[in-house]
Amino acid sequence: MSWNEWTYLLFGLGLGVGGGWILSQPRQSKTTDISSVTERAFKPVDRQEILVLQQQLQQSQIAYQLAQKMCHFKAGFLMRTAHELRSPLNSLIGLHQLILSDLCDDPAEERTFVAQAHQSALKLMNLMDRVIDISRLEHGSSQLEIQPVNLAELLTEVYNSTYLIATNRNLRLQLSLPETEIYVLADPRWLQQALINLLDICCTQMQEGKITISTQPHLTTDKVQIWLDTELPHRIWSEPIDIFQSDRSSSETKDSTFSPGMILLLTQTLVDLMQCRLEILSMPTSIPIDEQNESYTRLQLTIPLVILEPEPISHESTEN
């Protein structure tokens, strides 16, 4: 045999032996790997994992809804603030135009216009200060002093601060104190201001009638509700869809007070910061208002209730 023939023969024998050896090797490892991958891919999901995923999805949906409501509230807050700023600014611009155009009949009338412009500037400054105070609390640069507050003492201070205002408007203001000593968790200064704001809204909207302040504790939920029952129809609390399309002349006030909508919006923001809840409820009545059986209004403020533990009696006092 020639050299080439021996080379082909040896090469063929090598291929045959090597191929047989490869085919004779066990294939269990590859089979095991494929089956393990298949088992992992088609393994049924645990029921507990499904419940966790459902809870996470529900929490995400709730968070999205809360964020959407907060976005709408902020937009409404900005719209209302801009609307309130427009009123004193328009007054300032109009009065300054009269003075700068020499349209005053005499120096006395010019001085009167200057005084009115000064009042409009004070209203603008007052509004900005109150909005800034609430913004600082919301931002965290100013801190709320949350502490246990004696509810009866706070309501008595609110009553004493607003009684004369209600009387001057021919309104009857009644206070029903809680039968037992109740403490709530809030900032005493801002809680008092929130209640005064709500009473101020009622006094400015009512021509006659009665305002009743009462409380309702709920020991099972650790909450207490403060009720302001007013003889006001529930429809007056509805804001127009677009306040810029409403009658602007109605929001022009000669004094330095705010509109009821702005006071309610600031109070709502303040109440939310104290982890409280303000609701406007409709109370049915049989007394006709404007020849229609409409509903009275109950302003319901829900505040966390504090259960104070009794102080331990010292041994010295018992010995004495």
Protein backbone atom coordinates (compact mmCIF):
# COMPACT_ATOMS: atom_id res chain seq x y z
CA MET A 1 0.00 0.00 0.00
CA SER A 2 1.18 3.47 -0.76
CA TRP A 3 1.76 6.18 1.73
CA ASN A 4 -1.45 8.02 0.77
CA GLU A 5 -3.54 4.89 1.22
CA TRP A 6 -2.10 4.34 4.74
CA THR A 7 -2.89 7.96 5.61
CA TYR A 8 -6.55 7.68 4.52
CA LEU A 9 -6.91 4.38 6.38
CA LEU A 10 -5.59 5.77 9.67
CA PHE A 11 -7.70 8.91 9.32
CA GLY A 12 -10.85 6.82 8.80
CA LEU A 13 -10.10 4.60 11.77
CA GLY A 14 -9.60 7.72 13.95
CA LEU A 15 -12.94 9.17 12.90
CA GLY A 16 -14.69 5.90 13.57
CA VAL A 17 -13.23 5.39 17.03
CA GLY A 18 -13.76 9.03 18.05
CA GLY A 19 -17.35 9.08 16.84
CA GLY A 20 -18.15 5.85 18.61
CA TRP A 21 -16.66 7.14 21.85
CA ILE A 22 -18.71 10.37 21.65
CA LEU A 23 -21.90 8.47 20.97
CA SER A 24 -21.23 6.12 23.86
CA GLN A 25 -21.02 8.95 26.42
CA PRO A 26 -24.12 9.39 28.72
CA ARG A 27 -26.45 12.33 27.87
CA GLN A 28 -28.04 12.56 31.30
CA SER A 29 -26.58 15.98 32.16
CA LYS A 30 -28.05 17.68 29.07
CA THR A 31 -31.38 16.00 29.63
CA THR A 32 -31.36 17.11 33.24
CA ASP A 33 -30.54 20.72 32.29
CA ILE A 34 -33.35 20.90 29.73
CA SER A 35 -35.87 19.35 32.06
CA SER A 36 -34.90 21.71 34.90
CA VAL A 37 -35.31 24.72 32.63
CA THR A 38 -38.68 23.41 31.50
CA GLU A 39 -39.80 22.84 35.06
CA ARG A 40 -38.80 26.39 36.03
CA ALA A 41 -40.55 27.86 33.00
CA PHE A 42 -43.83 26.01 33.50
CA LYS A 43 -43.81 25.85 37.30
CA PRO A 44 -47.23 26.99 38.65
CA VAL A 45 -47.14 30.33 40.51
CA ASP A 46 -47.69 30.09 44.23
CA ARG A 47 -51.04 31.43 45.49
CA GLN A 48 -49.27 33.56 48.07
CA GLU A 49 -47.24 35.25 45.33
CA ILE A 50 -50.44 36.01 43.42
CA LEU A 51 -51.98 37.64 46.51
CA VAL A 52 -48.84 39.73 47.04
CA LEU A 53 -48.91 40.90 43.41
CA GLN A 54 -52.60 41.77 43.69
CA GLN A 55 -51.98 43.80 46.84
CA GLN A 56 -49.09 45.65 45.21
CA LEU A 57 -51.25 46.42 42.18
CA GLN A 58 -54.08 47.68 44.41
CA GLN A 59 -51.69 49.88 46.38
CA SER A 60 -50.30 51.30 43.15
CA GLN A 61 -53.81 52.12 41.94
CA ILE A 62 -54.68 53.82 45.24
CA ALA A 63 -51.44 55.81 45.16
CA TYR A 64 -52.19 56.91 41.59
CA GLN A 65 -55.71 58.01 42.51
CA LEU A 66 -54.44 59.94 45.54
CA ALA A 67 -51.76 61.62 43.44
CA GLN A 68 -54.35 62.55 40.83
CA LYS A 69 -56.69 64.02 43.46
CA MET A 70 -53.81 65.93 45.04
CA CYS A 71 -52.87 67.30 41.61
CA HIS A 72 -56.45 68.50 41.05
CA PHE A 73 -56.54 70.01 44.55
CA LYS A 74 -53.27 71.87 43.96
CA ALA A 75 -54.54 73.16 40.64
CA GLY A 76 -57.74 74.37 42.32
CA PHE A 77 -55.73 75.96 45.12
CA LEU A 78 -53.56 77.83 42.62
CA MET A 79 -56.61 78.91 40.62
CA ARG A 80 -58.42 80.19 43.71
CA THR A 81 -55.32 82.02 44.97
CA ALA A 82 -54.80 83.70 41.61
CA HIS A 83 -58.46 84.68 41.55
CA GLU A 84 -58.23 86.21 45.03
CA LEU A 85 -55.05 88.11 44.12
CA ARG A 86 -56.74 89.52 41.05
CA SER A 87 -59.33 91.42 43.10
CA PRO A 88 -57.00 93.72 45.13
CA LEU A 89 -54.63 94.07 42.19
CA ASN A 90 -57.41 95.31 39.92
CA SER A 91 -58.47 97.76 42.61
CA LEU A 92 -54.90 99.03 43.00
CA ILE A 93 -54.44 99.46 39.26
CA GLY A 94 -57.76 101.26 38.81
CA LEU A 95 -57.19 103.69 41.68
CA HIS A 96 -53.65 104.45 40.56
CA GLN A 97 -54.85 105.13 37.03
CA LEU A 98 -57.37 107.66 38.35
CA ILE A 99 -54.69 109.42 40.37
CA LEU A 100 -52.01 109.37 37.65
CA SER A 101 -54.48 110.61 35.02
CA ASP A 102 -55.38 113.67 37.18
CA LEU A 103 -59.04 112.68 37.22
CA CYS A 104 -59.51 113.65 40.88
CA ASP A 105 -61.63 116.73 41.49
CA ASP A 106 -59.63 117.96 44.45
CA PRO A 107 -56.83 116.83 46.81
CA ALA A 108 -59.41 115.40 49.24
CA GLU A 109 -60.76 112.97 46.62
CA GLU A 110 -57.21 112.05 45.64
CA ARG A 111 -56.44 111.30 49.27
CA THR A 112 -59.55 109.12 49.43
CA PHE A 113 -58.36 107.12 46.43
CA VAL A 114 -54.93 106.72 48.02
CA ALA A 115 -56.57 105.40 51.20
CA GLN A 116 -58.63 102.89 49.19
CA ALA A 117 -55.51 101.77 47.35
CA HIS A 118 -53.81 101.32 50.71
CA GLN A 119 -56.64 99.07 51.89
CA SER A 120 -56.35 96.98 48.74
CA ALA A 121 -52.60 96.64 49.32
CA LEU A 122 -53.26 95.49 52.89
CA LYS A 123 -55.73 92.90 51.65
CA LEU A 124 -53.18 91.65 49.13
CA MET A 125 -50.46 91.46 51.79
CA ASN A 126 -52.79 89.71 54.24
CA LEU A 127 -53.75 87.12 51.66
CA MET A 128 -50.14 86.46 50.72
CA ASP A 129 -49.12 86.10 54.39
CA ARG A 130 -51.83 83.52 55.06
CA VAL A 131 -51.00 81.53 51.94
CA ILE A 132 -47.29 81.65 52.83
CA ASP A 133 -48.02 80.42 56.37
CA ILE A 134 -49.91 77.39 55.05
CA SER A 135 -47.22 76.76 52.42
CA ARG A 136 -44.50 76.78 55.07
CA LEU A 137 -46.39 74.23 57.11
CA GLU A 138 -46.91 72.05 54.07
CA HIS A 139 -43.28 72.39 52.98
CA GLY A 140 -41.98 71.62 56.46
CA SER A 141 -40.09 74.88 57.08
CA SER A 142 -42.61 75.60 59.85
CA GLN A 143 -43.57 72.79 62.18
CA LEU A 144 -46.95 72.01 63.68
CA GLU A 145 -46.95 71.60 67.47
CA ILE A 146 -49.10 68.49 67.67
CA GLN A 147 -50.02 67.80 71.29
CA PRO A 148 -52.96 66.74 73.47
CA VAL A 149 -55.50 69.58 73.60
CA ASN A 150 -58.38 69.93 76.03
CA LEU A 151 -61.36 70.09 73.69
CA ALA A 152 -63.71 71.89 76.08
CA GLU A 153 -61.21 74.66 76.77
CA LEU A 154 -60.44 75.12 73.07
CA LEU A 155 -64.12 75.27 72.08
CA THR A 156 -64.76 77.80 74.86
CA GLU A 157 -62.00 80.04 73.47
CA VAL A 158 -63.44 79.72 69.97
CA TYR A 159 -66.91 80.58 71.29
CA ASN A 160 -65.63 83.67 73.15
CA SER A 161 -63.77 84.84 70.02
CA THR A 162 -66.79 84.60 67.71
CA TYR A 163 -69.78 85.23 69.97
CA LEU A 164 -69.82 89.03 69.50
CA ILE A 165 -69.37 88.71 65.73
CA ALA A 166 -72.40 86.41 65.51
CA THR A 167 -74.44 88.65 67.81
CA ASN A 168 -73.70 91.75 65.71
CA ARG A 169 -75.07 89.88 62.69
CA ASN A 170 -78.26 88.89 64.57
CA LEU A 171 -77.16 85.27 64.73
CA ARG A 172 -77.49 82.88 67.67
CA LEU A 173 -74.33 80.99 68.50
CA GLN A 174 -74.78 78.02 70.84
CA LEU A 175 -72.06 75.84 72.34
CA SER A 176 -72.65 72.34 73.72
CA LEU A 177 -69.56 71.17 75.59
CA PRO A 178 -68.72 67.46 75.93
CA GLU A 179 -69.98 65.80 79.09
CA THR A 180 -66.60 64.27 79.92
CA GLU A 181 -63.07 65.61 79.67
CA ILE A 182 -61.83 64.93 76.15
CA TYR A 183 -58.37 65.49 74.70
CA VAL A 184 -57.62 65.59 70.99
CA LEU A 185 -54.32 65.39 69.15
CA ALA A 186 -53.75 68.60 67.19
CA ASP A 187 -51.96 71.94 67.12
CA PRO A 188 -54.02 74.14 69.48
CA ARG A 189 -53.27 77.38 67.66
CA TRP A 190 -54.08 76.15 64.16
CA LEU A 191 -57.06 74.06 65.27
CA GLN A 192 -58.57 77.12 66.90
CA GLN A 193 -57.88 79.13 63.74
CA ALA A 194 -59.53 76.45 61.58
CA LEU A 195 -62.71 76.51 63.68
CA ILE A 196 -62.80 80.32 63.68
CA ASN A 197 -62.42 80.26 59.89
CA LEU A 198 -65.39 77.91 59.53
CA LEU A 199 -67.54 80.02 61.84
CA ASP A 200 -66.51 83.14 59.94
CA ILE A 201 -67.74 81.56 56.70
CA CYS A 202 -71.08 80.72 58.31
CA CYS A 203 -71.50 84.21 59.77
CA THR A 204 -70.79 85.94 56.47
CA GLN A 205 -73.22 83.70 54.55
CA MET A 206 -76.13 83.78 57.02
CA GLN A 207 -78.61 86.64 57.37
CA GLU A 208 -80.36 85.15 60.40
CA GLY A 209 -80.64 81.86 62.22
CA LYS A 210 -78.62 79.72 64.60
CA ILE A 211 -75.19 78.08 64.63
CA THR A 212 -74.69 75.17 67.01
CA ILE A 213 -71.29 73.80 68.06
CA SER A 214 -71.32 70.26 69.48
CA THR A 215 -69.08 67.21 69.74
CA GLN A 216 -69.45 63.48 69.25
CA PRO A 217 -66.65 61.18 70.50
CA HIS A 218 -66.14 57.69 69.07
CA LEU A 219 -64.07 55.66 71.50
CA THR A 220 -64.00 52.56 69.28
CA THR A 221 -62.24 54.41 66.46
CA ASP A 222 -60.24 56.83 68.65
CA LYS A 223 -61.83 59.78 66.87
CA VAL A 224 -63.91 62.75 67.94
CA GLN A 225 -66.14 64.81 65.68
CA ILE A 226 -66.83 68.51 66.05
CA TRP A 227 -70.14 69.52 64.48
CA LEU A 228 -71.03 73.00 63.26
CA ASP A 229 -74.74 72.87 62.42
CA THR A 230 -75.86 75.91 60.44
CA GLU A 231 -79.13 77.01 58.90
CA LEU A 232 -77.53 77.36 55.50
CA PRO A 233 -78.64 75.54 52.34
CA HIS A 234 -76.16 72.94 51.22
CA ARG A 235 -76.00 74.37 47.67
CA ILE A 236 -74.08 77.50 48.73
CA TRP A 237 -70.98 75.39 49.38
CA SER A 238 -70.74 74.36 45.74
CA GLU A 239 -68.00 76.20 43.87
CA PRO A 240 -68.44 77.12 40.18
CA ILE A 241 -66.66 74.85 37.75
CA ASP A 242 -64.59 77.74 36.40
CA ILE A 243 -64.28 80.58 38.90
CA PHE A 244 -62.84 82.85 36.21
CA GLN A 245 -66.11 82.64 34.29
CA SER A 246 -68.15 83.55 37.38
CA ASP A 247 -69.23 87.05 38.25
CA ARG A 248 -66.02 88.81 39.23
CA SER A 249 -67.88 91.72 40.74
CA SER A 250 -69.21 89.44 43.46
CA SER A 251 -65.66 88.73 44.64
CA GLU A 252 -64.75 92.42 44.84
CA THR A 253 -65.02 93.37 48.48
CA LYS A 254 -64.49 96.77 49.98
CA ASP A 255 -62.91 95.46 53.17
CA SER A 256 -59.87 93.26 53.70
CA THR A 257 -61.79 89.99 54.10
CA PHE A 258 -61.43 86.92 51.93
CA SER A 259 -64.08 85.15 49.95
CA PRO A 260 -65.72 82.11 51.62
CA GLY A 261 -64.24 79.82 48.98
CA MET A 262 -60.69 80.95 49.73
CA ILE A 263 -61.16 80.65 53.51
CA LEU A 264 -62.59 77.15 53.08
CA LEU A 265 -59.70 76.12 50.84
CA LEU A 266 -57.06 77.38 53.28
CA THR A 267 -58.87 75.69 56.17
CA GLN A 268 -59.11 72.41 54.24
CA THR A 269 -55.36 72.47 53.61
CA LEU A 270 -54.63 73.25 57.25
CA VAL A 271 -56.90 70.46 58.49
CA ASP A 272 -55.24 67.92 56.19
CA LEU A 273 -51.81 68.88 57.53
CA MET A 274 -52.98 68.07 61.07
CA GLN A 275 -54.13 64.60 59.92
CA CYS A 276 -57.77 65.62 60.44
CA ARG A 277 -60.73 65.45 58.05
CA LEU A 278 -63.26 68.12 57.14
CA GLU A 279 -66.58 67.15 55.57
CA ILE A 280 -69.59 69.20 54.48
CA LEU A 281 -72.71 67.16 55.13
CA SER A 282 -76.30 67.78 54.12
CA MET A 283 -78.80 67.75 57.00
CA PRO A 284 -82.49 67.40 56.02
CA THR A 285 -84.97 69.88 57.47
CA SER A 286 -88.72 70.37 57.23
CA ILE A 287 -88.47 74.18 57.34
CA PRO A 288 -88.90 75.62 53.83
CA ILE A 289 -86.07 77.82 52.55
CA ASP A 290 -86.79 80.01 49.53
CA GLU A 291 -90.07 78.12 49.10
CA GLN A 292 -88.17 74.86 48.66
CA ASN A 293 -87.43 72.08 51.11
CA GLU A 294 -83.67 72.30 50.98
CA SER A 295 -81.04 70.94 53.33
CA TYR A 296 -79.13 72.54 56.14
CA THR A 297 -75.37 72.17 56.40
CA ARG A 298 -73.27 70.37 58.97
CA LEU A 299 -69.53 71.01 58.95
CA GLN A 300 -67.97 67.89 60.44
CA LEU A 301 -64.37 68.02 61.64
CA THR A 302 -62.90 64.64 62.62
CA ILE A 303 -59.86 64.76 64.94
CA PRO A 304 -57.76 61.97 66.53
CA LEU A 305 -58.76 61.26 70.11
CA VAL A 306 -56.19 60.99 72.90
CA ILE A 307 -56.71 58.69 75.87
CA LEU A 308 -54.55 60.02 78.69
CA GLU A 309 -53.26 57.47 81.15
CA PRO A 310 -53.81 58.30 84.83
CA GLU A 311 -50.73 59.51 86.65
CA PRO A 312 -49.30 56.98 89.12
CA ILE A 313 -49.74 57.84 92.78
CA SER A 314 -46.40 58.32 94.52
CA HIS A 315 -45.61 56.58 97.83
CA GLU A 316 -44.94 59.93 99.53
CA SER A 317 -48.47 61.13 98.92
CA THR A 318 -49.96 57.89 100.25
CA GLU A 319 -47.87 58.06 103.41
CA ASN A 320 -48.97 61.65 104.08
